[in-house]
Amino acid sequence: MRQCLTSPDGGYYTSRTTGKDQFGATGDFVTSPEISQIFGELCGIWMVTEWLAQGRTKEGVQIIEVGPGREPSKTPFIFAHEFFDALPIHAFKSVAQHVSPSILETPTGPLPISAGGSQAQKPQWRELVVTPTRPPSILKPKPATEPLSPDFELSVAKASTPPSLLLPNLSARYRALLHRPDSIIEISPESHSYAAEFARRIGGATSSPARASTSPQMEIAKPKPSGGALILDYGPLDTIPTNSLRGIRAHKQVSPFSSPGLVDLSADVDFTGIAEAATAASEGVEVHGPVEQGYWLESIGIRERAQMLCRGIDKEMLSENKGHEKEIRKKQVHQAVERLVERGGGGMGRIYKAMAIIPEGGGRRRPVGFGGSVSM
């Protein structure tokens, strides 16, 4: 995923084609801020409400879009919109391994030394790796009218790999699925790393002297936790993503292995995994959500803001004889809002989720958009 998306030599986001843009109606996909200006405004309002709730700190406040800078600010407010879904994933499948009875070779022939003659089955995680697509069978040729298959596909590794031995053992959620035959899970180690970094910057973190000497960035001393992180992305509310790797081109879902570098790649975000990584990295934070984007936007006031915009349109065009144009613009405002909050089927208000990481407070205060409010 990293190579296809960000390689300096033909990566999806790092290369440009004349007359072609990845974003917008004429590109491959449309993001929430492009659908309505209100989306960005409400994200800004959320940051302000957290700043108010934390005492209106006047010094050291920074609003950080994921990635910039290496020095931790005193009070970072971090915004990550559709960031985690593009981070590389590892996919694993639970495979039952047949264990043959142990054999001892003797001068007179092989001698079974294990008790019983039946074979035991021991499940094992095997990584799903990208391999060249298998050619069609000679005995069953592919119809000429059927589209050509991508050059690559996912296949189960024939043996254990370092990631398959390590990553599925990081959480009890993954380990619990090992004994369910053919279970498939997706894990994004980089997502866990970023979530942990967010938490350390907000809540502070101390490490043992031995660990600090090898990983000095792990230790962030703060007299008091402050700041917050707002994460908006798509994925399940509380389950582990599975079979979610996808390609998007011209607003249609395509094989992620078709036209590398010309297709956007993404995978569902494991929000529970992000929460686990954040709380494990710092004792000074707590996590709220995920909640559906539709609920989050309506809680912060997307409909009220839409009404304000419509009143502004009325006032702007009051002296102009453009009643029809006025109604079209107001309709566009409301249509954009409905698209963002729609919670039926594959609506953006349902498939997108919001999560917040804020200073630990024993659960006494919920942030705005997650069941809480703030006093002005």
Protein backbone atom coordinates (compact mmCIF):
# COMPACT_ATOMS: atom_id res chain seq x y z
CA MET A 1 0.00 0.00 0.00
CA ARG A 2 2.76 2.42 0.91
CA GLN A 3 4.59 1.82 -2.36
CA CYS A 4 1.45 2.25 -4.46
CA LEU A 5 0.24 5.35 -2.63
CA THR A 6 3.36 7.33 -1.75
CA SER A 7 6.28 6.07 -3.81
CA PRO A 8 8.16 9.04 -5.34
CA ASP A 9 8.21 7.04 -8.56
CA GLY A 10 4.58 6.84 -9.65
CA GLY A 11 2.77 6.78 -6.29
CA TYR A 12 -0.94 7.60 -6.33
CA TYR A 13 -0.63 10.66 -4.07
CA THR A 14 2.87 11.71 -5.10
CA SER A 15 2.49 11.82 -8.86
CA ARG A 16 0.37 14.11 -11.01
CA THR A 17 -1.20 13.54 -14.39
CA THR A 18 -1.92 16.57 -16.56
CA GLY A 19 -5.62 17.38 -16.44
CA LYS A 20 -6.28 14.74 -13.76
CA ASP A 21 -6.88 15.26 -10.05
CA GLN A 22 -7.52 12.50 -7.53
CA PHE A 23 -10.12 14.54 -5.67
CA GLY A 24 -13.50 15.98 -6.55
CA ALA A 25 -16.29 15.10 -8.95
CA THR A 26 -13.89 14.70 -11.87
CA GLY A 27 -11.40 12.64 -9.83
CA ASP A 28 -11.66 9.32 -8.06
CA PHE A 29 -13.48 10.27 -4.85
CA VAL A 30 -14.99 13.18 -2.93
CA THR A 31 -14.11 13.87 0.70
CA SER A 32 -16.41 15.34 3.34
CA PRO A 33 -14.80 18.83 3.36
CA GLU A 34 -15.48 19.05 -0.39
CA ILE A 35 -19.12 18.13 0.06
CA SER A 36 -19.83 20.97 2.47
CA GLN A 37 -17.87 23.76 4.10
CA ILE A 38 -19.80 22.98 7.29
CA PHE A 39 -17.79 19.80 7.85
CA GLY A 40 -14.53 21.68 8.27
CA GLU A 41 -16.21 24.37 10.34
CA LEU A 42 -17.56 21.81 12.82
CA CYS A 43 -14.17 20.14 13.14
CA GLY A 44 -12.78 23.57 14.06
CA ILE A 45 -15.60 24.11 16.53
CA TRP A 46 -14.79 20.79 18.20
CA MET A 47 -11.20 21.91 18.71
CA VAL A 48 -12.41 25.19 20.24
CA THR A 49 -14.83 23.40 22.61
CA GLU A 50 -12.00 21.18 23.86
CA TRP A 51 -9.82 24.22 24.37
CA LEU A 52 -12.61 25.88 26.36
CA ALA A 53 -13.25 22.76 28.43
CA GLN A 54 -9.57 22.53 29.33
CA GLY A 55 -9.34 26.03 30.74
CA ARG A 56 -8.59 28.21 27.70
CA THR A 57 -4.84 27.73 27.77
CA LYS A 58 -3.16 30.75 26.17
CA GLU A 59 0.37 29.47 25.57
CA GLY A 60 1.76 26.52 23.67
CA VAL A 61 -1.46 25.69 21.83
CA GLN A 62 -1.05 24.11 18.39
CA ILE A 63 -3.51 22.65 15.92
CA ILE A 64 -1.71 19.82 14.16
CA GLU A 65 -2.74 18.00 11.03
CA VAL A 66 -1.20 14.54 11.18
CA GLY A 67 2.45 14.47 10.28
CA PRO A 68 4.00 17.94 10.59
CA GLY A 69 6.83 18.60 13.01
CA ARG A 70 8.82 16.43 15.36
CA GLU A 71 8.80 18.50 18.54
CA PRO A 72 5.80 17.87 20.80
CA SER A 73 3.82 21.01 21.61
CA LYS A 74 2.63 21.77 25.12
CA THR A 75 -1.04 21.57 24.16
CA PRO A 76 -1.52 19.79 20.83
CA PHE A 77 -4.93 19.54 19.19
CA ILE A 78 -4.55 16.87 16.52
CA PHE A 79 -6.88 16.36 13.56
CA ALA A 80 -6.78 13.14 11.53
CA HIS A 81 -9.37 12.94 8.77
CA GLU A 82 -9.26 9.93 6.41
CA PHE A 83 -5.67 9.28 7.45
CA PHE A 84 -5.70 5.88 9.14
CA ASP A 85 -7.56 4.15 6.28
CA ALA A 86 -4.54 4.68 3.99
CA LEU A 87 -1.97 3.19 6.37
CA PRO A 88 -0.56 -0.23 5.38
CA ILE A 89 -2.24 -3.33 6.77
CA HIS A 90 -1.30 -6.97 7.30
CA ALA A 91 -4.00 -9.59 6.69
CA PHE A 92 -3.99 -13.01 8.35
CA LYS A 93 -6.07 -16.19 8.07
CA SER A 94 -6.51 -18.91 10.67
CA VAL A 95 -5.41 -22.17 9.05
CA ALA A 96 -5.70 -25.63 10.62
CA GLN A 97 -2.34 -27.39 10.39
CA HIS A 98 -2.21 -31.18 10.25
CA VAL A 99 0.33 -32.59 12.68
CA SER A 100 1.67 -35.97 11.65
CA PRO A 101 2.75 -38.54 14.30
CA SER A 102 6.45 -38.31 15.13
CA ILE A 103 8.56 -40.88 13.27
CA LEU A 104 11.81 -42.43 14.40
CA GLU A 105 13.97 -43.86 11.65
CA THR A 106 15.51 -47.23 12.66
CA PRO A 107 17.64 -49.81 10.78
CA THR A 108 14.55 -51.94 10.41
CA GLY A 109 12.35 -49.11 9.16
CA PRO A 110 10.36 -46.12 10.44
CA LEU A 111 8.81 -46.41 13.90
CA PRO A 112 5.93 -44.16 15.04
CA ILE A 113 6.68 -42.85 18.52
CA SER A 114 3.62 -40.69 19.18
CA ALA A 115 0.56 -42.07 20.86
CA GLY A 116 -2.42 -42.76 18.63
CA GLY A 117 -2.56 -42.94 14.89
CA SER A 118 -4.95 -40.05 14.19
CA GLN A 119 -3.64 -36.67 13.12
CA ALA A 120 -4.20 -33.64 15.33
CA GLN A 121 -5.11 -30.21 14.06
CA LYS A 122 -3.42 -27.08 15.38
CA PRO A 123 -4.63 -23.70 14.08
CA GLN A 124 -2.03 -21.19 13.02
CA TRP A 125 -2.12 -17.66 11.66
CA ARG A 126 -0.90 -17.44 8.09
CA GLU A 127 -0.31 -14.15 6.34
CA LEU A 128 -2.21 -13.24 3.19
CA VAL A 129 0.50 -12.11 0.77
CA VAL A 130 0.36 -10.50 -2.65
CA THR A 131 1.29 -13.00 -5.37
CA PRO A 132 1.00 -13.13 -9.18
CA THR A 133 -2.47 -14.17 -10.28
CA ARG A 134 -2.66 -17.84 -11.18
CA PRO A 135 -3.23 -18.43 -14.90
CA PRO A 136 -6.60 -19.92 -15.92
CA SER A 137 -6.84 -23.68 -16.16
CA ILE A 138 -6.29 -25.22 -19.59
CA LEU A 139 -9.17 -27.56 -18.91
CA LYS A 140 -11.49 -24.65 -18.05
CA PRO A 141 -10.53 -21.64 -20.16
CA LYS A 142 -11.82 -18.19 -19.27
CA PRO A 143 -14.67 -16.89 -21.47
CA ALA A 144 -13.53 -14.22 -23.92
CA THR A 145 -16.25 -11.87 -22.69
CA GLU A 146 -15.03 -12.00 -19.07
CA PRO A 147 -12.78 -9.09 -17.98
CA LEU A 148 -9.10 -9.79 -17.54
CA SER A 149 -8.01 -10.58 -14.00
CA PRO A 150 -5.58 -8.22 -12.20
CA ASP A 151 -1.94 -9.22 -12.37
CA PHE A 152 -1.86 -9.86 -8.61
CA GLU A 153 -4.02 -11.42 -5.91
CA LEU A 154 -3.94 -12.34 -2.21
CA SER A 155 -2.81 -15.86 -1.36
CA VAL A 156 -2.28 -17.68 1.93
CA ALA A 157 1.42 -17.97 2.75
CA LYS A 158 2.70 -21.54 2.75
CA ALA A 159 4.58 -21.02 6.01
CA SER A 160 4.67 -18.66 8.96
CA THR A 161 6.11 -15.19 8.44
CA PRO A 162 7.53 -12.85 11.10
CA PRO A 163 4.37 -10.67 11.03
CA SER A 164 2.09 -13.73 11.40
CA LEU A 165 4.02 -14.87 14.47
CA LEU A 166 3.98 -11.45 16.12
CA LEU A 167 1.04 -9.22 15.20
CA PRO A 168 -1.95 -11.54 15.90
CA ASN A 169 -0.60 -12.09 19.41
CA LEU A 170 -0.61 -8.40 20.32
CA SER A 171 -4.25 -8.34 21.43
CA ALA A 172 -6.66 -10.76 23.07
CA ARG A 173 -9.19 -9.74 20.40
CA TYR A 174 -7.01 -11.33 17.72
CA ARG A 175 -6.03 -14.38 19.78
CA ALA A 176 -9.68 -15.20 20.45
CA LEU A 177 -10.27 -15.77 16.72
CA LEU A 178 -7.36 -18.16 16.14
CA HIS A 179 -9.47 -21.24 16.90
CA ARG A 180 -12.26 -20.20 14.56
CA PRO A 181 -11.39 -21.89 11.25
CA ASP A 182 -10.81 -19.56 8.29
CA SER A 183 -11.04 -16.41 10.42
CA ILE A 184 -9.49 -13.43 8.66
CA ILE A 185 -8.22 -10.34 10.46
CA GLU A 186 -6.52 -7.13 9.33
CA ILE A 187 -3.96 -5.36 11.51
CA SER A 188 -2.30 -2.01 10.89
CA PRO A 189 0.81 -1.65 13.07
CA GLU A 190 1.36 1.91 11.82
CA SER A 191 -2.13 2.88 12.98
CA HIS A 192 -1.25 1.65 16.47
CA SER A 193 2.01 3.63 16.37
CA TYR A 194 0.30 6.87 15.37
CA ALA A 195 -2.45 6.43 17.97
CA ALA A 196 0.19 5.81 20.63
CA GLU A 197 2.08 8.95 19.55
CA PHE A 198 -1.11 11.03 19.73
CA ALA A 199 -1.73 9.73 23.25
CA ARG A 200 1.83 10.45 24.42
CA ARG A 201 1.67 14.01 23.11
CA ILE A 202 -1.65 14.62 24.89
CA GLY A 203 -1.23 12.66 28.10
CA GLY A 204 2.54 12.48 28.42
CA ALA A 205 4.50 9.27 28.86
CA THR A 206 7.47 8.09 30.82
CA SER A 207 9.57 5.03 30.14
CA SER A 208 12.19 3.08 31.98
CA PRO A 209 15.79 4.40 31.73
CA ALA A 210 16.77 1.42 29.60
CA ARG A 211 13.90 1.99 27.18
CA ALA A 212 14.44 5.73 27.08
CA SER A 213 18.04 5.24 26.02
CA THR A 214 16.97 3.26 22.96
CA SER A 215 13.72 5.10 22.22
CA PRO A 216 14.02 8.66 23.55
CA GLN A 217 10.93 9.74 21.62
CA MET A 218 8.87 7.44 23.85
CA GLU A 219 9.30 9.77 26.85
CA ILE A 220 7.27 13.00 26.87
CA ALA A 221 7.15 14.72 30.22
CA LYS A 222 4.09 16.92 30.83
CA PRO A 223 3.11 18.46 34.17
CA LYS A 224 -0.54 18.06 33.20
CA PRO A 225 -2.26 16.24 30.30
CA SER A 226 -3.68 18.67 27.74
CA GLY A 227 -4.82 18.84 24.14
CA GLY A 228 -6.89 16.35 22.18
CA ALA A 229 -7.14 14.32 19.00
CA LEU A 230 -10.11 14.05 16.68
CA ILE A 231 -10.12 11.06 14.35
CA LEU A 232 -12.65 10.82 11.51
CA ASP A 233 -12.46 7.80 9.24
CA TYR A 234 -14.41 4.75 8.13
CA GLY A 235 -14.55 1.29 9.65
CA PRO A 236 -16.66 -0.90 11.97
CA LEU A 237 -17.74 0.38 15.37
CA ASP A 238 -16.38 -2.47 17.47
CA THR A 239 -15.26 -5.39 15.33
CA ILE A 240 -11.95 -6.27 13.67
CA PRO A 241 -11.80 -5.32 9.98
CA THR A 242 -11.76 -8.22 7.54
CA ASN A 243 -11.52 -8.40 3.75
CA SER A 244 -11.73 -4.61 3.57
CA LEU A 245 -8.77 -3.76 1.30
CA ARG A 246 -10.25 -1.92 -1.65
CA GLY A 247 -9.38 0.17 -4.66
CA ILE A 248 -11.29 3.28 -5.76
CA ARG A 249 -11.14 4.77 -9.23
CA ALA A 250 -13.55 7.19 -10.88
CA HIS A 251 -15.93 6.89 -7.89
CA LYS A 252 -16.21 3.11 -8.30
CA GLN A 253 -14.78 0.28 -6.24
CA VAL A 254 -12.22 -1.73 -8.20
CA SER A 255 -9.67 -4.42 -7.43
CA PRO A 256 -6.89 -3.02 -5.24
CA PHE A 257 -4.44 -4.87 -7.50
CA SER A 258 -5.52 -3.19 -10.71
CA SER A 259 -3.40 -0.35 -12.17
CA PRO A 260 -0.98 0.19 -9.25
CA GLY A 261 -0.30 3.88 -8.73
CA LEU A 262 -3.47 4.91 -10.55
CA VAL A 263 -5.96 3.54 -8.03
CA ASP A 264 -6.59 4.82 -4.51
CA LEU A 265 -6.12 2.13 -1.86
CA SER A 266 -7.70 2.00 1.57
CA ALA A 267 -8.87 -0.39 4.27
CA ASP A 268 -11.30 -0.17 7.16
CA VAL A 269 -9.96 1.32 10.38
CA ASP A 270 -9.84 -0.78 13.55
CA PHE A 271 -11.09 1.85 15.99
CA THR A 272 -10.93 -0.49 18.98
CA GLY A 273 -7.31 -1.24 18.11
CA ILE A 274 -6.59 2.50 18.00
CA ALA A 275 -8.22 2.96 21.41
CA GLU A 276 -6.20 0.09 22.89
CA ALA A 277 -2.95 1.51 21.52
CA ALA A 278 -3.71 5.00 22.84
CA THR A 279 -4.59 3.98 26.39
CA ALA A 280 -1.64 1.57 26.55
CA ALA A 281 0.79 4.33 25.51
CA SER A 282 -0.22 6.89 28.13
CA GLU A 283 -2.03 6.79 31.44
CA GLY A 284 -2.92 10.44 30.92
CA VAL A 285 -5.59 9.95 28.24
CA GLU A 286 -9.05 8.52 27.79
CA VAL A 287 -10.83 7.62 24.56
CA HIS A 288 -14.39 8.42 23.53
CA GLY A 289 -16.17 6.76 20.64
CA PRO A 290 -16.26 5.69 18.00
CA VAL A 291 -19.68 7.10 17.15
CA GLU A 292 -21.27 7.35 13.74
CA GLN A 293 -20.38 10.49 11.81
CA GLY A 294 -24.06 11.36 11.38
CA TYR A 295 -24.57 11.40 15.16
CA TRP A 296 -21.37 13.40 15.71
CA LEU A 297 -22.22 16.07 13.15
CA GLU A 298 -25.79 16.48 14.36
CA SER A 299 -24.62 16.67 18.00
CA ILE A 300 -22.29 19.54 17.16
CA GLY A 301 -24.94 21.42 15.16
CA ILE A 302 -24.67 20.72 11.45
CA ARG A 303 -28.38 21.39 10.86
CA GLU A 304 -28.31 24.62 12.83
CA ARG A 305 -25.29 25.80 10.85
CA ALA A 306 -27.07 24.90 7.59
CA GLN A 307 -30.00 27.08 8.63
CA MET A 308 -27.60 29.94 9.31
CA LEU A 309 -26.09 29.59 5.83
CA CYS A 310 -29.55 29.59 4.26
CA ARG A 311 -30.49 32.77 6.15
CA GLY A 312 -27.27 34.29 4.87
CA ILE A 313 -28.27 33.37 1.30
CA ASP A 314 -31.67 35.00 1.84
CA LYS A 315 -30.05 38.19 3.11
CA GLU A 316 -27.41 38.22 0.36
CA MET A 317 -29.99 37.92 -2.42
CA LEU A 318 -32.74 39.96 -0.79
CA SER A 319 -32.33 42.91 -3.13
CA GLU A 320 -31.72 40.78 -6.22
CA ASN A 321 -34.42 39.33 -8.39
CA LYS A 322 -32.98 35.84 -8.31
CA GLY A 323 -35.52 33.82 -6.38
CA HIS A 324 -34.92 30.65 -8.39
CA GLU A 325 -31.13 30.81 -7.93
CA LYS A 326 -31.60 31.44 -4.22
CA GLU A 327 -33.70 28.32 -3.78
CA ILE A 328 -31.16 26.23 -5.73
CA ARG A 329 -28.32 27.37 -3.46
CA LYS A 330 -30.33 26.65 -0.32
CA LYS A 331 -31.28 23.23 -1.66
CA GLN A 332 -27.61 22.47 -2.31
CA VAL A 333 -26.76 23.33 1.29
CA HIS A 334 -29.37 20.91 2.64
CA GLN A 335 -28.49 18.16 0.16
CA ALA A 336 -24.85 18.33 1.21
CA VAL A 337 -25.83 18.05 4.86
CA GLU A 338 -28.04 15.03 4.20
CA ARG A 339 -25.22 13.32 2.33
CA LEU A 340 -22.89 13.76 5.29
CA VAL A 341 -25.35 12.55 7.95
CA GLU A 342 -27.25 9.85 6.01
CA ARG A 343 -27.18 6.68 8.15
CA GLY A 344 -29.04 4.27 5.91
CA GLY A 345 -27.23 1.52 3.99
CA GLY A 346 -23.84 2.81 2.87
CA GLY A 347 -24.50 6.42 3.84
CA MET A 348 -21.52 8.51 4.92
CA GLY A 349 -23.19 9.25 8.24
CA ARG A 350 -23.13 5.54 9.03
CA ILE A 351 -19.91 4.16 7.56
CA TYR A 352 -17.73 7.05 8.78
CA LYS A 353 -16.97 7.21 12.50
CA ALA A 354 -15.62 9.78 14.94
CA MET A 355 -13.27 9.11 17.86
CA ALA A 356 -11.67 11.44 20.37
CA ILE A 357 -8.56 11.14 22.56
CA ILE A 358 -8.59 13.66 25.42
CA PRO A 359 -6.83 14.11 28.79
CA GLU A 360 -7.77 11.47 31.34
CA GLY A 361 -10.43 12.71 33.73
CA GLY A 362 -11.94 9.58 35.21
CA GLY A 363 -14.80 9.75 32.71
CA ARG A 364 -16.25 12.79 34.47
CA ARG A 365 -16.45 14.85 31.27
CA ARG A 366 -17.54 13.78 27.82
CA PRO A 367 -16.36 15.87 24.87
CA VAL A 368 -18.78 17.67 22.58
CA GLY A 369 -20.12 15.35 19.90
CA PHE A 370 -19.71 12.33 22.17
CA GLY A 371 -22.54 13.05 24.60
CA GLY A 372 -21.00 16.06 26.31
CA SER A 373 -21.28 19.85 26.30
CA VAL A 374 -19.17 22.86 27.25
CA SER A 375 -19.92 26.03 29.19
CA MET A 376 -19.05 29.32 27.50
